[in-house]
C-alpha atoms as a PDB file:
ATOM      1  CA  MET A   1     106.910 128.521  87.624  1.00  0.00           C
ATOM      2  CA  ASN A   2     107.307 129.872  91.146  1.00  0.00           C
ATOM      3  CA  GLU A   3     106.975 126.774  93.320  1.00  0.00           C
ATOM      4  CA  LEU A   4     104.890 127.666  96.332  1.00  0.00           C
ATOM      5  CA  GLY A   5     105.198 124.184  97.791  1.00  0.00           C
ATOM      6  CA  ASP A   6     102.504 122.334  99.684  1.00  0.00           C
ATOM      7  CA  GLU A   7     101.963 125.054 102.259  1.00  0.00           C
ATOM      8  CA  ARG A   8      98.532 126.314 103.263  1.00  0.00           C
ATOM      9  CA  LEU A   9      97.420 129.627 104.668  1.00  0.00           C
ATOM     10  CA  LYS A  10      94.290 129.887 106.836  1.00  0.00           C
ATOM     11  CA  THR A  11      92.254 133.071 107.178  1.00  0.00           C
ATOM     12  CA  ARG A  12      89.124 133.703 109.235  1.00  0.00           C
ATOM     13  CA  THR A  13      86.840 132.684 106.341  1.00  0.00           C
ATOM     14  CA  GLY A  14      88.837 130.158 104.321  1.00  0.00           C
ATOM     15  CA  GLU A  15      92.101 128.540 103.344  1.00  0.00           C
ATOM     16  CA  PHE A  16      94.633 129.067 100.558  1.00  0.00           C
ATOM     17  CA  SER A  17      96.545 126.198  98.971  1.00  0.00           C
ATOM     18  CA  PHE A  18      98.648 125.781  95.833  1.00  0.00           C
ATOM     19  CA  ASP A  19      97.670 123.332  93.099  1.00  0.00           C
ATOM     20  CA  ARG A  20     101.158 122.617  91.767  1.00  0.00           C
ATOM     21  CA  GLU A  21      99.947 120.347  88.953  1.00  0.00           C
ATOM     22  CA  ASN A  22      97.806 123.098  87.407  1.00  0.00           C
ATOM     23  CA  GLY A  23      99.783 126.159  88.514  1.00  0.00           C
ATOM     24  CA  ILE A  24      96.862 127.783  90.337  1.00  0.00           C
ATOM     25  CA  ILE A  25      96.046 129.009  93.817  1.00  0.00           C
ATOM     26  CA  ARG A  26      92.891 127.699  95.481  1.00  0.00           C
ATOM     27  CA  PHE A  27      90.863 129.569  98.053  1.00  0.00           C
ATOM     28  CA  ASP A  28      88.275 127.379  99.731  1.00  0.00           C
ATOM     29  CA  VAL A  29      85.700 129.389 101.672  1.00  0.00           C
ATOM     30  CA  ASP A  30      84.694 127.854 105.000  1.00  0.00           C
ATOM     31  CA  GLU A  31      81.272 126.331 105.609  1.00  0.00           C
ATOM     32  CA  GLY A  32      78.771 129.056 106.516  1.00  0.00           C
ATOM     33  CA  ALA A  33      81.262 131.914 106.109  1.00  0.00           C
ATOM     34  CA  VAL A  34      79.860 135.433 105.892  1.00  0.00           C
ATOM     35  CA  GLN A  35      82.543 137.611 104.340  1.00  0.00           C
ATOM     36  CA  THR A  36      82.752 141.234 105.483  1.00  0.00           C
ATOM     37  CA  LEU A  37      85.010 144.054 104.291  1.00  0.00           C
ATOM     38  CA  ALA A  38      87.560 143.100 106.959  1.00  0.00           C
ATOM     39  CA  ASP A  39      87.529 139.505 105.678  1.00  0.00           C
ATOM     40  CA  ALA A  40      87.903 140.637 102.070  1.00  0.00           C
ATOM     41  CA  LYS A  41      90.939 142.738 102.982  1.00  0.00           C
ATOM     42  CA  GLU A  42      92.405 139.879 105.012  1.00  0.00           C
ATOM     43  CA  ASN A  43      91.884 137.413 102.152  1.00  0.00           C
ATOM     44  CA  ILE A  44      93.456 139.646  99.487  1.00  0.00           C
ATOM     45  CA  ALA A  45      96.439 140.410 101.756  1.00  0.00           C
ATOM     46  CA  ALA A  46      96.770 136.689 102.505  1.00  0.00           C
ATOM     47  CA  ASN A  47      96.649 135.851  98.779  1.00  0.00           C
ATOM     48  CA  LYS A  48      99.471 138.332  98.120  1.00  0.00           C
ATOM     49  CA  ARG A  49     101.560 136.846 100.972  1.00  0.00           C
ATOM     50  CA  PHE A  50     100.783 133.294  99.901  1.00  0.00           C
ATOM     51  CA  SER A  51     101.793 133.950  96.282  1.00  0.00           C
ATOM     52  CA  ARG A  52     104.869 135.889  97.372  1.00  0.00           C
ATOM     53  CA  GLY A  53     103.578 138.887  95.436  1.00  0.00           C
ATOM     54  CA  LYS A  54     103.250 137.099  92.089  1.00  0.00           C
ATOM     55  CA  PRO A  55      99.743 137.035  90.575  1.00  0.00           C
ATOM     56  CA  TYR A  56      98.488 133.526  89.827  1.00  0.00           C
ATOM     57  CA  PRO A  57      95.188 132.253  88.475  1.00  0.00           C
ATOM     58  CA  VAL A  58      92.867 131.683  91.459  1.00  0.00           C
ATOM     59  CA  LEU A  59      90.075 129.181  91.968  1.00  0.00           C
ATOM     60  CA  CYS A  60      87.713 130.578  94.610  1.00  0.00           C
ATOM     61  CA  ASP A  61      85.366 127.866  95.846  1.00  0.00           C
ATOM     62  CA  LEU A  62      82.234 129.635  97.114  1.00  0.00           C
ATOM     63  CA  THR A  63      80.285 126.395  97.458  1.00  0.00           C
ATOM     64  CA  ARG A  64      80.094 126.550 101.257  1.00  0.00           C
ATOM     65  CA  CYS A  65      79.918 130.366 101.571  1.00  0.00           C
ATOM     66  CA  LYS A  66      76.791 131.766 103.222  1.00  0.00           C
ATOM     67  CA  ALA A  67      77.163 135.416 102.128  1.00  0.00           C
ATOM     68  CA  THR A  68      79.517 138.178 101.016  1.00  0.00           C
ATOM     69  CA  ASP A  69      78.387 141.637 102.054  1.00  0.00           C
ATOM     70  CA  LEU A  70      78.285 144.680  99.763  1.00  0.00           C
ATOM     71  CA  ASP A  71      81.445 146.299 101.150  1.00  0.00           C
ATOM     72  CA  ALA A  72      83.367 143.038 100.691  1.00  0.00           C
ATOM     73  CA  ARG A  73      82.116 142.674  97.099  1.00  0.00           C
ATOM     74  CA  ASN A  74      83.142 146.267  96.356  1.00  0.00           C
ATOM     75  CA  TYR A  75      86.613 145.610  97.736  1.00  0.00           C
ATOM     76  CA  PHE A  76      87.011 142.326  95.826  1.00  0.00           C
ATOM     77  CA  ALA A  77      86.246 144.320  92.651  1.00  0.00           C
ATOM     78  CA  SER A  78      88.730 147.113  93.455  1.00  0.00           C
ATOM     79  CA  GLU A  79      91.948 147.679  91.531  1.00  0.00           C
ATOM     80  CA  GLU A  80      93.939 146.869  94.669  1.00  0.00           C
ATOM     81  CA  ALA A  81      92.283 143.469  94.975  1.00  0.00           C
ATOM     82  CA  THR A  82      92.421 142.543  91.281  1.00  0.00           C
ATOM     83  CA  GLN A  83      96.199 143.053  91.254  1.00  0.00           C
ATOM     84  CA  ALA A  84      96.450 139.925  93.419  1.00  0.00           C
ATOM     85  CA  TYR A  85      95.539 137.486  90.616  1.00  0.00           C
ATOM     86  CA  ARG A  86      95.747 136.897  86.850  1.00  0.00           C
ATOM     87  CA  ALA A  87      92.286 135.412  86.441  1.00  0.00           C
ATOM     88  CA  MET A  88      89.667 134.134  88.867  1.00  0.00           C
ATOM     89  CA  ALA A  89      87.258 131.241  88.569  1.00  0.00           C
ATOM     90  CA  LEU A  90      84.370 131.405  91.025  1.00  0.00           C
ATOM     91  CA  LEU A  91      83.091 127.929  91.810  1.00  0.00           C
ATOM     92  CA  GLY A  92      79.479 127.801  92.968  1.00  0.00           C
ATOM     93  CA  GLY A  93      77.991 124.357  93.335  1.00  0.00           C
ATOM     94  CA  ARG A  94      75.109 125.306  95.646  1.00  0.00           C
ATOM     95  CA  PRO A  95      72.336 127.751  94.744  1.00  0.00           C
ATOM     96  CA  VAL A  96      73.466 130.366  97.299  1.00  0.00           C
ATOM     97  CA  ALA A  97      77.053 130.202  96.009  1.00  0.00           C
ATOM     98  CA  ARG A  98      75.861 130.595  92.413  1.00  0.00           C
ATOM     99  CA  MET A  99      73.753 133.559  93.497  1.00  0.00           C
ATOM    100  CA  ILE A 100      76.790 135.222  95.160  1.00  0.00           C
ATOM    101  CA  GLY A 101      78.879 134.582  92.048  1.00  0.00           C
ATOM    102  CA  ASN A 102      76.182 135.815  89.667  1.00  0.00           C
ATOM    103  CA  ILE A 103      75.644 139.015  91.649  1.00  0.00           C
ATOM    104  CA  PHE A 104      79.376 139.661  91.631  1.00  0.00           C
ATOM    105  CA  LEU A 105      79.674 139.072  87.890  1.00  0.00           C
ATOM    106  CA  THR A 106      76.591 141.147  87.073  1.00  0.00           C
ATOM    107  CA  VAL A 107      77.746 144.160  89.056  1.00  0.00           C
ATOM    108  CA  TYR A 108      81.529 143.875  88.697  1.00  0.00           C
ATOM    109  CA  GLY A 109      82.069 141.579  85.715  1.00  0.00           C
ATOM    110  CA  LYS A 110      83.542 144.116  83.288  1.00  0.00           C
ATOM    111  CA  ARG A 111      87.060 144.430  84.661  1.00  0.00           C
ATOM    112  CA  ALA A 112      90.642 144.261  83.539  1.00  0.00           C
ATOM    113  CA  LYS A 113      91.081 140.722  84.915  1.00  0.00           C
ATOM    114  CA  PRO A 114      89.045 137.770  83.630  1.00  0.00           C
ATOM    115  CA  VAL A 115      86.492 136.358  86.093  1.00  0.00           C
ATOM    116  CA  ARG A 116      84.025 133.549  85.357  1.00  0.00           C
ATOM    117  CA  LEU A 117      81.523 131.536  87.347  1.00  0.00           C
ATOM    118  CA  PHE A 118      81.549 127.734  87.124  1.00  0.00           C
ATOM    119  CA  THR A 119      79.508 124.937  88.651  1.00  0.00           C
ATOM    120  CA  GLU A 120      82.047 122.227  87.755  1.00  0.00           C
ATOM    121  CA  GLU A 121      85.526 122.328  89.288  1.00  0.00           C
ATOM    122  CA  ARG A 122      87.076 120.464  86.349  1.00  0.00           C
ATOM    123  CA  GLU A 123      85.871 123.133  83.911  1.00  0.00           C
ATOM    124  CA  ALA A 124      87.058 125.963  86.169  1.00  0.00           C
ATOM    125  CA  ILE A 125      90.543 124.453  86.442  1.00  0.00           C
ATOM    126  CA  GLN A 126      90.739 123.871  82.688  1.00  0.00           C
ATOM    127  CA  TRP A 127      89.854 127.541  82.053  1.00  0.00           C
ATOM    128  CA  LEU A 128      92.367 128.776  84.651  1.00  0.00           C
ATOM    129  CA  LYS A 129      95.174 126.682  83.173  1.00  0.00           C
ATOM    130  CA  GLY A 130      95.079 129.030  80.178  1.00  0.00           C
ATOM    131  CA  PHE A 131      96.339 131.818  82.494  1.00  0.00           C
ATOM    132  CA  ALA A 132      99.078 129.810  84.285  1.00  0.00           C
ATOM    133  CA  ASP A 133     102.803 130.018  83.513  1.00  0.00           C
END
């Protein structure tokens, strides 16, 4: 496994970290973040830098996210963006986060890379471990 260490990478709307034990990248969205197209592009570029170009399973915690606009959702579903990960678990503990995740899956769910919505972090990590090295 490519050891990414304990480093973190902060973007305008969240923070990347590496869960060494489970071999996954985490992206924790900041409290009240509203993600725009510029944020989506920044976050995908940051994920590629953080992973040193190697796709990993990603846990995206949307729990504290306020909104993700249409242009950002379209970009997150693009081929360019999906090359940045092996599989993605969207974690939505709050109703608004579940709504964001459900909209994304309904509109963009049929893609080459597996994406699922979870309300329990433990279950999301267990699912992602099946895509780790």
